[in-house]
Amino acid sequence: MFSQETLHKDFDLLTRALDASVAGVVLTDNRQQDNPIIYCNKAFEHISGYNRKEIIGHNCRFLQQEDRNQEQREHIRNAIEQGLDCFIEIRNYRKDGTLFWNELYISPIKAVDGQVTHFIGIQNDVSRRKKAELELIYQKQEMEKRIEQRTKTIKESEEYLASIISTVRESLIVLDKSHHVLSVNDHFLKTFKVSLNETIGKVLYDLGNGQWNIEKLKQMLQDVLPTNNPVEGYEVEHDFPHIGKKLMLVNAHRIELEGEYKDRILIAIEDITERREIERRKDDFLSIASHE
C-alpha cells in the first residue's frame, strides 16, 4: 500500500518498474465507455509499434485491425462482461501491419464494493514460439498425408499384386522361415482341394493331415534351398489321397534382403503331370512308329 506522504514517489517507482518490464502492460478504465486504455508501459509500445499518445484512449481491440473473426475475441468479451480472468493467445497487428501472436492475460481490478473498475492486461509477443508450433503442426499434417498416401499406394499395390497372383496358372505359396504358410493363391486351393482356413498358419508339412509331408520337398526346403538360392525346376512326385499322383515342378526363392520380408520363402508349383504323360505317350508312339 502507498502512504500519503510518499504517494508521488511510490507511484513514480511503480511506473518505472512497469516500464522496465519486458512484458507489455496496459490498464483500462472499465467505468468509461468502451473500456479505454489509460496506461501502457514502454514494452507495450515496443510490441505494438504505436507510441503512447496513439494508444491512450483506445480500446485494446485496435490491435486486431481487420482480423476480427477470431474465437478468442468471444473469450475476452465474456471475461470483461463477467469480471473474470482470461488467458488466451490471439493474433494482433503492429502499427506497420505485421502480424504477431499475443499471449494475453487479463485480470479485473475491483473496488472495495466489489465493482470492477479497471482491467490490467499483460502481453507477451510469442510469435517465434507460435511459428515453431505451427510449423510442427504443419509438418505433422504433411507427414500424416504422406503416410496416408503411402498406405493407400501400398494397399492398391497389394490389391493389384493379389489380382495378378490370383490369375497365375501356378500354385503359389509364401512360407516364413519356419515353413509356416503365410499365404497361398486360389490356384493352390483349387488344385489341392483345400480351404484357406486349413492352410494359413499351418506348417507346410502338416497340410491335409500330413499329405504335404513329402520327403523330397522337405529335403529341398531344408537342405538344398539354404545353400542354393534360388531353386528352379525341382521335380517332386507325390500321391495325394484325394487328387491322386501328381508330378510337380517346383521353383523356390528365399528372400535374403534385410527388412520385414527377410527369410520368407516363395514357392511356385507347376503341375506337369498331364504334360509329362503326353510326352510319354508321344515318345511311345514315336518308338512304335520307328519299328514299323
C-alpha atoms as a PDB file:
ATOM      1  CA  MET A   1       0.000   0.000   0.000  1.00  0.00           C
ATOM      2  CA  PHE A   2       1.153   3.560  -0.716  1.00  0.00           C
ATOM      3  CA  SER A   3       1.343   6.076   2.142  1.00  0.00           C
ATOM      4  CA  GLN A   4       0.055   9.594   1.599  1.00  0.00           C
ATOM      5  CA  GLU A   5       3.489  11.015   2.429  1.00  0.00           C
ATOM      6  CA  THR A   6       5.296   9.011  -0.243  1.00  0.00           C
ATOM      7  CA  LEU A   7       2.448   8.567  -2.738  1.00  0.00           C
ATOM      8  CA  HIS A   8       4.083  10.504  -5.570  1.00  0.00           C
ATOM      9  CA  LYS A   9       7.455   8.831  -5.046  1.00  0.00           C
ATOM     10  CA  ASP A  10       5.937   5.363  -4.790  1.00  0.00           C
ATOM     11  CA  PHE A  11       3.815   5.880  -7.904  1.00  0.00           C
ATOM     12  CA  ASP A  12       6.882   7.038  -9.827  1.00  0.00           C
ATOM     13  CA  LEU A  13       8.740   3.918  -8.648  1.00  0.00           C
ATOM     14  CA  LEU A  14       5.851   1.694  -9.768  1.00  0.00           C
ATOM     15  CA  THR A  15       5.765   3.364 -13.168  1.00  0.00           C
ATOM     16  CA  ARG A  16       9.490   2.911 -13.655  1.00  0.00           C
ATOM     17  CA  ALA A  17       9.192  -0.749 -12.574  1.00  0.00           C
ATOM     18  CA  LEU A  18       6.444  -1.378 -15.121  1.00  0.00           C
ATOM     19  CA  ASP A  19       8.456   0.359 -17.838  1.00  0.00           C
ATOM     20  CA  ALA A  20      11.392  -1.915 -17.010  1.00  0.00           C
ATOM     21  CA  SER A  21       9.242  -4.988 -17.614  1.00  0.00           C
ATOM     22  CA  VAL A  22       9.768  -6.953 -20.835  1.00  0.00           C
ATOM     23  CA  ALA A  23       6.052  -7.783 -20.868  1.00  0.00           C
ATOM     24  CA  GLY A  24       3.585  -5.294 -22.268  1.00  0.00           C
ATOM     25  CA  VAL A  25       1.273  -3.883 -19.618  1.00  0.00           C
ATOM     26  CA  VAL A  26      -1.925  -1.880 -20.144  1.00  0.00           C
ATOM     27  CA  LEU A  27      -4.510  -0.573 -17.726  1.00  0.00           C
ATOM     28  CA  THR A  28      -8.076   0.058 -18.897  1.00  0.00           C
ATOM     29  CA  ASP A  29     -10.876   2.013 -17.223  1.00  0.00           C
ATOM     30  CA  ASN A  30     -13.970  -0.152 -17.102  1.00  0.00           C
ATOM     31  CA  ARG A  31     -16.038   2.788 -15.825  1.00  0.00           C
ATOM     32  CA  GLN A  32     -15.650   4.672 -19.077  1.00  0.00           C
ATOM     33  CA  GLN A  33     -17.436   3.890 -22.321  1.00  0.00           C
ATOM     34  CA  ASP A  34     -15.710   1.162 -24.381  1.00  0.00           C
ATOM     35  CA  ASN A  35     -13.213   0.449 -21.580  1.00  0.00           C
ATOM     36  CA  PRO A  36     -10.333   2.600 -22.967  1.00  0.00           C
ATOM     37  CA  ILE A  37      -6.624   2.227 -22.208  1.00  0.00           C
ATOM     38  CA  ILE A  38      -5.492   4.770 -19.602  1.00  0.00           C
ATOM     39  CA  TYR A  39      -1.943   3.499 -19.122  1.00  0.00           C
ATOM     40  CA  CYS A  40       0.625   1.480 -21.094  1.00  0.00           C
ATOM     41  CA  ASN A  41       4.263   0.734 -20.410  1.00  0.00           C
ATOM     42  CA  LYS A  42       7.189   1.037 -22.804  1.00  0.00           C
ATOM     43  CA  ALA A  43       7.214  -2.697 -23.590  1.00  0.00           C
ATOM     44  CA  PHE A  44       3.657  -2.398 -24.919  1.00  0.00           C
ATOM     45  CA  GLU A  45       4.770   0.473 -27.153  1.00  0.00           C
ATOM     46  CA  HIS A  46       7.653  -1.670 -28.413  1.00  0.00           C
ATOM     47  CA  ILE A  47       5.461  -4.732 -29.024  1.00  0.00           C
ATOM     48  CA  SER A  48       2.692  -2.819 -30.801  1.00  0.00           C
ATOM     49  CA  GLY A  49       4.788  -0.261 -32.673  1.00  0.00           C
ATOM     50  CA  TYR A  50       2.483   2.562 -31.524  1.00  0.00           C
ATOM     51  CA  ASN A  51       3.578   5.375 -29.242  1.00  0.00           C
ATOM     52  CA  ARG A  52       1.787   6.181 -26.009  1.00  0.00           C
ATOM     53  CA  LYS A  53      -0.209   9.096 -27.455  1.00  0.00           C
ATOM     54  CA  GLU A  54      -1.598   6.808 -30.173  1.00  0.00           C
ATOM     55  CA  ILE A  55      -2.538   4.156 -27.582  1.00  0.00           C
ATOM     56  CA  ILE A  56      -4.129   6.030 -24.703  1.00  0.00           C
ATOM     57  CA  GLY A  57      -7.896   6.407 -25.044  1.00  0.00           C
ATOM     58  CA  HIS A  58      -8.381   3.459 -27.406  1.00  0.00           C
ATOM     59  CA  ASN A  59      -9.864   0.046 -26.690  1.00  0.00           C
ATOM     60  CA  CYS A  60      -7.318  -2.800 -26.958  1.00  0.00           C
ATOM     61  CA  ARG A  61      -9.184  -4.263 -29.937  1.00  0.00           C
ATOM     62  CA  PHE A  62      -7.387  -1.780 -32.217  1.00  0.00           C
ATOM     63  CA  LEU A  63      -4.506  -4.288 -32.252  1.00  0.00           C
ATOM     64  CA  GLN A  64      -6.739  -6.763 -34.097  1.00  0.00           C
ATOM     65  CA  GLN A  65      -7.184  -4.387 -37.045  1.00  0.00           C
ATOM     66  CA  GLU A  66      -9.463  -6.159 -39.576  1.00  0.00           C
ATOM     67  CA  ASP A  67      -8.773  -9.664 -38.232  1.00  0.00           C
ATOM     68  CA  ARG A  68     -11.987  -9.787 -36.190  1.00  0.00           C
ATOM     69  CA  ASN A  69     -13.091 -13.357 -36.933  1.00  0.00           C
ATOM     70  CA  GLN A  70     -11.232 -14.940 -34.014  1.00  0.00           C
ATOM     71  CA  GLU A  71     -12.946 -17.072 -31.403  1.00  0.00           C
ATOM     72  CA  GLN A  72     -10.588 -15.632 -28.776  1.00  0.00           C
ATOM     73  CA  ARG A  73     -12.463 -12.313 -29.053  1.00  0.00           C
ATOM     74  CA  GLU A  74     -15.521 -14.004 -27.566  1.00  0.00           C
ATOM     75  CA  HIS A  75     -13.443 -15.210 -24.595  1.00  0.00           C
ATOM     76  CA  ILE A  76     -12.216 -11.652 -23.984  1.00  0.00           C
ATOM     77  CA  ARG A  77     -15.737 -10.231 -24.249  1.00  0.00           C
ATOM     78  CA  ASN A  78     -17.142 -12.775 -21.774  1.00  0.00           C
ATOM     79  CA  ALA A  79     -14.294 -12.188 -19.303  1.00  0.00           C
ATOM     80  CA  ILE A  80     -14.843  -8.405 -19.352  1.00  0.00           C
ATOM     81  CA  GLU A  81     -18.631  -8.672 -19.074  1.00  0.00           C
ATOM     82  CA  GLN A  82     -18.378 -11.101 -16.143  1.00  0.00           C
ATOM     83  CA  GLY A  83     -15.328  -9.541 -14.484  1.00  0.00           C
ATOM     84  CA  LEU A  84     -13.196 -12.689 -14.804  1.00  0.00           C
ATOM     85  CA  ASP A  85      -9.580 -13.560 -15.519  1.00  0.00           C
ATOM     86  CA  CYS A  86      -8.742 -14.537 -19.092  1.00  0.00           C
ATOM     87  CA  PHE A  87      -5.656 -16.138 -20.634  1.00  0.00           C
ATOM     88  CA  ILE A  88      -5.502 -16.537 -24.422  1.00  0.00           C
ATOM     89  CA  GLU A  89      -3.264 -16.343 -27.452  1.00  0.00           C
ATOM     90  CA  ILE A  90      -4.605 -14.063 -30.155  1.00  0.00           C
ATOM     91  CA  ARG A  91      -3.453 -12.675 -33.499  1.00  0.00           C
ATOM     92  CA  ASN A  92      -2.569  -8.978 -33.245  1.00  0.00           C
ATOM     93  CA  TYR A  93      -1.004  -6.498 -35.653  1.00  0.00           C
ATOM     94  CA  ARG A  94       1.663  -3.876 -35.192  1.00  0.00           C
ATOM     95  CA  LYS A  95       1.370  -0.344 -36.498  1.00  0.00           C
ATOM     96  CA  ASP A  96       3.215  -1.361 -39.684  1.00  0.00           C
ATOM     97  CA  GLY A  97       0.682  -4.148 -40.266  1.00  0.00           C
ATOM     98  CA  THR A  98       2.927  -7.098 -39.382  1.00  0.00           C
ATOM     99  CA  LEU A  99       1.281  -9.978 -37.552  1.00  0.00           C
ATOM    100  CA  PHE A 100       2.380 -11.040 -34.101  1.00  0.00           C
ATOM    101  CA  TRP A 101       0.954 -13.609 -31.705  1.00  0.00           C
ATOM    102  CA  ASN A 102      -0.037 -12.011 -28.426  1.00  0.00           C
ATOM    103  CA  GLU A 103      -0.069 -14.130 -25.270  1.00  0.00           C
ATOM    104  CA  LEU A 104      -2.594 -12.083 -23.334  1.00  0.00           C
ATOM    105  CA  TYR A 105      -3.533 -12.276 -19.662  1.00  0.00           C
ATOM    106  CA  ILE A 106      -6.424 -10.100 -18.493  1.00  0.00           C
ATOM    107  CA  SER A 107      -7.404  -9.662 -14.858  1.00  0.00           C
ATOM    108  CA  PRO A 108     -10.071  -7.447 -13.261  1.00  0.00           C
ATOM    109  CA  ILE A 109      -9.335  -4.820 -10.603  1.00  0.00           C
ATOM    110  CA  LYS A 110     -12.190  -4.369  -8.151  1.00  0.00           C
ATOM    111  CA  ALA A 111     -13.169  -1.565  -5.812  1.00  0.00           C
ATOM    112  CA  VAL A 112     -13.970  -2.114  -2.151  1.00  0.00           C
ATOM    113  CA  ASP A 113     -17.631  -2.647  -3.050  1.00  0.00           C
ATOM    114  CA  GLY A 114     -16.687  -5.455  -5.485  1.00  0.00           C
ATOM    115  CA  GLN A 115     -17.362  -3.463  -8.630  1.00  0.00           C
ATOM    116  CA  VAL A 116     -14.849  -3.963 -11.481  1.00  0.00           C
ATOM    117  CA  THR A 117     -13.330  -0.554 -12.070  1.00  0.00           C
ATOM    118  CA  HIS A 118     -10.302  -1.449 -14.193  1.00  0.00           C
ATOM    119  CA  PHE A 119      -8.639  -4.281 -16.073  1.00  0.00           C
ATOM    120  CA  ILE A 120      -4.943  -4.970 -16.299  1.00  0.00           C
ATOM    121  CA  GLY A 121      -3.616  -6.681 -19.394  1.00  0.00           C
ATOM    122  CA  ILE A 122      -0.218  -8.435 -19.527  1.00  0.00           C
ATOM    123  CA  GLN A 123       1.015  -9.152 -23.033  1.00  0.00           C
ATOM    124  CA  ASN A 124       3.932 -11.078 -24.467  1.00  0.00           C
ATOM    125  CA  ASP A 125       4.966 -11.463 -28.086  1.00  0.00           C
ATOM    126  CA  VAL A 126       5.152 -15.259 -28.554  1.00  0.00           C
ATOM    127  CA  SER A 127       5.389 -15.197 -32.356  1.00  0.00           C
ATOM    128  CA  ARG A 128       8.587 -17.269 -32.508  1.00  0.00           C
ATOM    129  CA  ARG A 129       7.153 -19.992 -30.303  1.00  0.00           C
ATOM    130  CA  LYS A 130       3.850 -19.930 -32.165  1.00  0.00           C
ATOM    131  CA  LYS A 131       5.640 -20.118 -35.509  1.00  0.00           C
ATOM    132  CA  ALA A 132       7.563 -23.181 -34.301  1.00  0.00           C
ATOM    133  CA  GLU A 133       4.326 -24.771 -33.038  1.00  0.00           C
ATOM    134  CA  LEU A 134       2.529 -24.097 -36.323  1.00  0.00           C
ATOM    135  CA  GLU A 135       5.489 -25.484 -38.278  1.00  0.00           C
ATOM    136  CA  LEU A 136       5.385 -28.649 -36.153  1.00  0.00           C
ATOM    137  CA  ILE A 137       1.630 -28.958 -36.744  1.00  0.00           C
ATOM    138  CA  TYR A 138       2.164 -28.428 -40.477  1.00  0.00           C
ATOM    139  CA  GLN A 139       4.965 -30.997 -40.576  1.00  0.00           C
ATOM    140  CA  LYS A 140       2.786 -33.462 -38.632  1.00  0.00           C
ATOM    141  CA  GLN A 141      -0.098 -32.925 -41.054  1.00  0.00           C
ATOM    142  CA  GLU A 142       2.189 -33.324 -44.054  1.00  0.00           C
ATOM    143  CA  MET A 143       3.684 -36.482 -42.556  1.00  0.00           C
ATOM    144  CA  GLU A 144       0.189 -37.858 -41.921  1.00  0.00           C
ATOM    145  CA  LYS A 145      -0.763 -37.046 -45.530  1.00  0.00           C
ATOM    146  CA  ARG A 146       2.346 -38.821 -46.831  1.00  0.00           C
ATOM    147  CA  ILE A 147       1.676 -41.833 -44.593  1.00  0.00           C
ATOM    148  CA  GLU A 148      -1.957 -41.910 -45.733  1.00  0.00           C
ATOM    149  CA  GLN A 149      -0.900 -41.672 -49.370  1.00  0.00           C
ATOM    150  CA  ARG A 150       1.786 -44.312 -48.925  1.00  0.00           C
ATOM    151  CA  THR A 151      -0.686 -46.599 -47.142  1.00  0.00           C
ATOM    152  CA  LYS A 152      -3.153 -46.092 -49.978  1.00  0.00           C
ATOM    153  CA  THR A 153      -0.439 -46.797 -52.556  1.00  0.00           C
ATOM    154  CA  ILE A 154       0.694 -49.936 -50.719  1.00  0.00           C
ATOM    155  CA  LYS A 155      -2.890 -51.138 -50.430  1.00  0.00           C
ATOM    156  CA  GLU A 156      -3.514 -50.514 -54.122  1.00  0.00           C
ATOM    157  CA  SER A 157      -0.238 -52.278 -54.968  1.00  0.00           C
ATOM    158  CA  GLU A 158      -1.179 -55.229 -52.768  1.00  0.00           C
ATOM    159  CA  GLU A 159      -4.617 -55.440 -54.370  1.00  0.00           C
ATOM    160  CA  TYR A 160      -3.074 -55.187 -57.816  1.00  0.00           C
ATOM    161  CA  LEU A 161      -0.486 -57.850 -56.985  1.00  0.00           C
ATOM    162  CA  ALA A 162      -3.173 -60.069 -55.447  1.00  0.00           C
ATOM    163  CA  SER A 163      -5.266 -59.803 -58.614  1.00  0.00           C
ATOM    164  CA  ILE A 164      -2.243 -60.826 -60.703  1.00  0.00           C
ATOM    165  CA  ILE A 165      -1.396 -63.725 -58.393  1.00  0.00           C
ATOM    166  CA  SER A 166      -4.987 -64.972 -58.460  1.00  0.00           C
ATOM    167  CA  THR A 167      -4.804 -65.299 -62.261  1.00  0.00           C
ATOM    168  CA  VAL A 168      -1.470 -67.134 -62.331  1.00  0.00           C
ATOM    169  CA  ARG A 169      -1.876 -70.730 -63.510  1.00  0.00           C
ATOM    170  CA  GLU A 170       0.622 -71.999 -60.983  1.00  0.00           C
ATOM    171  CA  SER A 171       0.185 -72.761 -57.301  1.00  0.00           C
ATOM    172  CA  LEU A 172       1.936 -70.118 -55.222  1.00  0.00           C
ATOM    173  CA  ILE A 173       2.857 -70.432 -51.546  1.00  0.00           C
ATOM    174  CA  VAL A 174       4.587 -67.998 -49.186  1.00  0.00           C
ATOM    175  CA  LEU A 175       6.272 -69.503 -46.106  1.00  0.00           C
ATOM    176  CA  ASP A 176       8.023 -67.967 -43.148  1.00  0.00           C
ATOM    177  CA  LYS A 177      11.473 -69.196 -42.149  1.00  0.00           C
ATOM    178  CA  SER A 178       9.882 -71.932 -40.006  1.00  0.00           C
ATOM    179  CA  HIS A 179       7.903 -73.141 -43.030  1.00  0.00           C
ATOM    180  CA  HIS A 180       4.546 -71.932 -41.730  1.00  0.00           C
ATOM    181  CA  VAL A 181       2.175 -70.964 -44.551  1.00  0.00           C
ATOM    182  CA  LEU A 182       1.638 -67.191 -44.727  1.00  0.00           C
ATOM    183  CA  SER A 183      -0.421 -67.091 -47.926  1.00  0.00           C
ATOM    184  CA  VAL A 184      -1.449 -69.139 -50.935  1.00  0.00           C
ATOM    185  CA  ASN A 185      -3.236 -68.245 -54.156  1.00  0.00           C
ATOM    186  CA  ASP A 186      -6.597 -69.530 -55.406  1.00  0.00           C
ATOM    187  CA  HIS A 187      -4.939 -71.919 -57.848  1.00  0.00           C
ATOM    188  CA  PHE A 188      -3.267 -73.777 -54.966  1.00  0.00           C
ATOM    189  CA  LEU A 189      -6.576 -74.119 -53.101  1.00  0.00           C
ATOM    190  CA  LYS A 190      -8.412 -75.395 -56.171  1.00  0.00           C
ATOM    191  CA  THR A 191      -5.675 -77.766 -57.336  1.00  0.00           C
ATOM    192  CA  PHE A 192      -5.060 -79.438 -53.999  1.00  0.00           C
ATOM    193  CA  LYS A 193      -8.683 -79.295 -52.757  1.00  0.00           C
ATOM    194  CA  VAL A 194      -8.015 -77.370 -49.532  1.00  0.00           C
ATOM    195  CA  SER A 195      -9.571 -74.289 -47.912  1.00  0.00           C
ATOM    196  CA  LEU A 196      -7.847 -71.135 -46.712  1.00  0.00           C
ATOM    197  CA  ASN A 197      -8.671 -71.932 -43.072  1.00  0.00           C
ATOM    198  CA  GLU A 198      -6.996 -75.319 -43.408  1.00  0.00           C
ATOM    199  CA  THR A 199      -3.865 -73.713 -44.841  1.00  0.00           C
ATOM    200  CA  ILE A 200      -2.875 -70.310 -43.394  1.00  0.00           C
ATOM    201  CA  GLY A 201      -0.689 -70.522 -40.279  1.00  0.00           C
ATOM    202  CA  LYS A 202      -0.092 -74.254 -40.642  1.00  0.00           C
ATOM    203  CA  VAL A 203       3.300 -75.859 -41.110  1.00  0.00           C
ATOM    204  CA  LEU A 204       3.537 -76.861 -44.764  1.00  0.00           C
ATOM    205  CA  TYR A 205       4.230 -80.500 -43.936  1.00  0.00           C
ATOM    206  CA  ASP A 206       1.076 -80.722 -41.770  1.00  0.00           C
ATOM    207  CA  LEU A 207      -1.340 -79.619 -44.508  1.00  0.00           C
ATOM    208  CA  GLY A 208      -4.121 -82.047 -45.360  1.00  0.00           C
ATOM    209  CA  ASN A 209      -3.449 -84.322 -42.373  1.00  0.00           C
ATOM    210  CA  GLY A 210       0.189 -84.670 -43.334  1.00  0.00           C
ATOM    211  CA  GLN A 211      -0.266 -85.240 -47.078  1.00  0.00           C
ATOM    212  CA  TRP A 212       2.315 -82.484 -47.719  1.00  0.00           C
ATOM    213  CA  ASN A 213       4.872 -84.278 -45.571  1.00  0.00           C
ATOM    214  CA  ILE A 214       6.795 -85.052 -48.737  1.00  0.00           C
ATOM    215  CA  GLU A 215      10.357 -86.144 -48.107  1.00  0.00           C
ATOM    216  CA  LYS A 216      11.758 -84.712 -51.336  1.00  0.00           C
ATOM    217  CA  LEU A 217      10.027 -81.363 -50.805  1.00  0.00           C
ATOM    218  CA  LYS A 218      11.300 -81.255 -47.233  1.00  0.00           C
ATOM    219  CA  GLN A 219      14.816 -82.031 -48.461  1.00  0.00           C
ATOM    220  CA  MET A 220      14.630 -79.200 -50.975  1.00  0.00           C
ATOM    221  CA  LEU A 221      13.484 -76.633 -48.377  1.00  0.00           C
ATOM    222  CA  GLN A 222      15.783 -77.737 -45.545  1.00  0.00           C
ATOM    223  CA  ASP A 223      18.930 -78.830 -47.350  1.00  0.00           C
ATOM    224  CA  VAL A 224      19.014 -77.502 -50.922  1.00  0.00           C
ATOM    225  CA  LEU A 225      17.457 -74.002 -50.677  1.00  0.00           C
ATOM    226  CA  PRO A 226      19.641 -72.656 -47.827  1.00  0.00           C
ATOM    227  CA  THR A 227      22.785 -73.170 -49.917  1.00  0.00           C
ATOM    228  CA  ASN A 228      21.418 -72.919 -53.451  1.00  0.00           C
ATOM    229  CA  ASN A 229      19.101 -69.930 -53.595  1.00  0.00           C
ATOM    230  CA  PRO A 230      17.001 -69.861 -55.740  1.00  0.00           C
ATOM    231  CA  VAL A 231      15.983 -73.406 -56.671  1.00  0.00           C
ATOM    232  CA  GLU A 232      14.468 -73.837 -60.122  1.00  0.00           C
ATOM    233  CA  GLY A 233      12.938 -76.820 -61.916  1.00  0.00           C
ATOM    234  CA  TYR A 234      12.992 -79.127 -58.891  1.00  0.00           C
ATOM    235  CA  GLU A 235      10.783 -82.153 -59.592  1.00  0.00           C
ATOM    236  CA  VAL A 236       8.662 -83.629 -56.816  1.00  0.00           C
ATOM    237  CA  GLU A 237       6.329 -86.576 -57.304  1.00  0.00           C
ATOM    238  CA  HIS A 238       3.705 -87.488 -54.728  1.00  0.00           C
ATOM    239  CA  ASP A 239       0.498 -89.481 -54.452  1.00  0.00           C
ATOM    240  CA  PHE A 240      -2.144 -87.271 -52.803  1.00  0.00           C
ATOM    241  CA  PRO A 241      -5.110 -89.057 -51.144  1.00  0.00           C
ATOM    242  CA  HIS A 242      -7.871 -87.050 -52.867  1.00  0.00           C
ATOM    243  CA  ILE A 243      -6.372 -85.992 -56.197  1.00  0.00           C
ATOM    244  CA  GLY A 244      -4.045 -88.883 -56.965  1.00  0.00           C
ATOM    245  CA  LYS A 245      -0.445 -88.946 -58.130  1.00  0.00           C
ATOM    246  CA  LYS A 246       0.999 -85.595 -59.149  1.00  0.00           C
ATOM    247  CA  LEU A 247       4.296 -84.659 -60.724  1.00  0.00           C
ATOM    248  CA  MET A 248       5.203 -81.145 -59.690  1.00  0.00           C
ATOM    249  CA  LEU A 249       7.859 -78.759 -60.944  1.00  0.00           C
ATOM    250  CA  VAL A 250       8.883 -76.564 -58.006  1.00  0.00           C
ATOM    251  CA  ASN A 251      10.673 -73.202 -58.044  1.00  0.00           C
ATOM    252  CA  ALA A 252      11.663 -71.707 -54.673  1.00  0.00           C
ATOM    253  CA  HIS A 253      13.267 -68.436 -53.678  1.00  0.00           C
ATOM    254  CA  ARG A 254      14.294 -67.308 -50.206  1.00  0.00           C
ATOM    255  CA  ILE A 255      14.292 -63.522 -49.662  1.00  0.00           C
ATOM    256  CA  GLU A 256      17.730 -62.512 -48.400  1.00  0.00           C
ATOM    257  CA  LEU A 257      17.338 -58.716 -48.281  1.00  0.00           C
ATOM    258  CA  GLU A 258      17.109 -57.141 -44.833  1.00  0.00           C
ATOM    259  CA  GLY A 259      13.658 -55.965 -43.825  1.00  0.00           C
ATOM    260  CA  GLU A 260      10.187 -57.159 -42.995  1.00  0.00           C
ATOM    261  CA  TYR A 261      10.219 -59.955 -45.570  1.00  0.00           C
ATOM    262  CA  LYS A 262      13.693 -61.341 -44.858  1.00  0.00           C
ATOM    263  CA  ASP A 263      13.878 -65.178 -44.936  1.00  0.00           C
ATOM    264  CA  ARG A 264      10.402 -65.590 -46.370  1.00  0.00           C
ATOM    265  CA  ILE A 265      10.227 -68.372 -48.929  1.00  0.00           C
ATOM    266  CA  LEU A 266       8.312 -68.019 -52.168  1.00  0.00           C
ATOM    267  CA  ILE A 267       7.303 -71.276 -53.829  1.00  0.00           C
ATOM    268  CA  ALA A 268       5.756 -71.760 -57.265  1.00  0.00           C
ATOM    269  CA  ILE A 269       4.396 -75.210 -58.056  1.00  0.00           C
ATOM    270  CA  GLU A 270       3.510 -76.229 -61.589  1.00  0.00           C
ATOM    271  CA  ASP A 271       1.525 -79.416 -62.053  1.00  0.00           C
ATOM    272  CA  ILE A 272       3.243 -81.125 -65.008  1.00  0.00           C
ATOM    273  CA  THR A 273       1.501 -84.491 -64.579  1.00  0.00           C
ATOM    274  CA  GLU A 274      -0.558 -84.271 -67.780  1.00  0.00           C
ATOM    275  CA  ARG A 275       2.245 -82.691 -69.756  1.00  0.00           C
ATOM    276  CA  ARG A 276       4.673 -85.431 -68.746  1.00  0.00           C
ATOM    277  CA  GLU A 277       2.048 -88.088 -69.609  1.00  0.00           C
ATOM    278  CA  ILE A 278       1.558 -86.539 -73.061  1.00  0.00           C
ATOM    279  CA  GLU A 279       5.318 -86.501 -73.563  1.00  0.00           C
ATOM    280  CA  ARG A 280       5.490 -90.157 -72.505  1.00  0.00           C
ATOM    281  CA  ARG A 281       2.733 -91.147 -74.941  1.00  0.00           C
ATOM    282  CA  LYS A 282       4.406 -89.190 -77.689  1.00  0.00           C
ATOM    283  CA  ASP A 283       7.703 -90.963 -77.027  1.00  0.00           C
ATOM    284  CA  ASP A 284       5.908 -94.337 -77.007  1.00  0.00           C
ATOM    285  CA  PHE A 285       4.201 -93.534 -80.288  1.00  0.00           C
ATOM    286  CA  LEU A 286       7.445 -92.451 -81.927  1.00  0.00           C
ATOM    287  CA  SER A 287       9.172 -95.550 -80.602  1.00  0.00           C
ATOM    288  CA  ILE A 288       6.486 -97.830 -82.062  1.00  0.00           C
ATOM    289  CA  ALA A 289       6.435 -95.927 -85.339  1.00  0.00           C
ATOM    290  CA  SER A 290      10.205 -96.230 -85.734  1.00  0.00           C
ATOM    291  CA  HIS A 291       9.932-100.021 -85.565  1.00  0.00           C
ATOM    292  CA  GLU A 292       7.250-100.349 -88.250  1.00  0.00           C
END
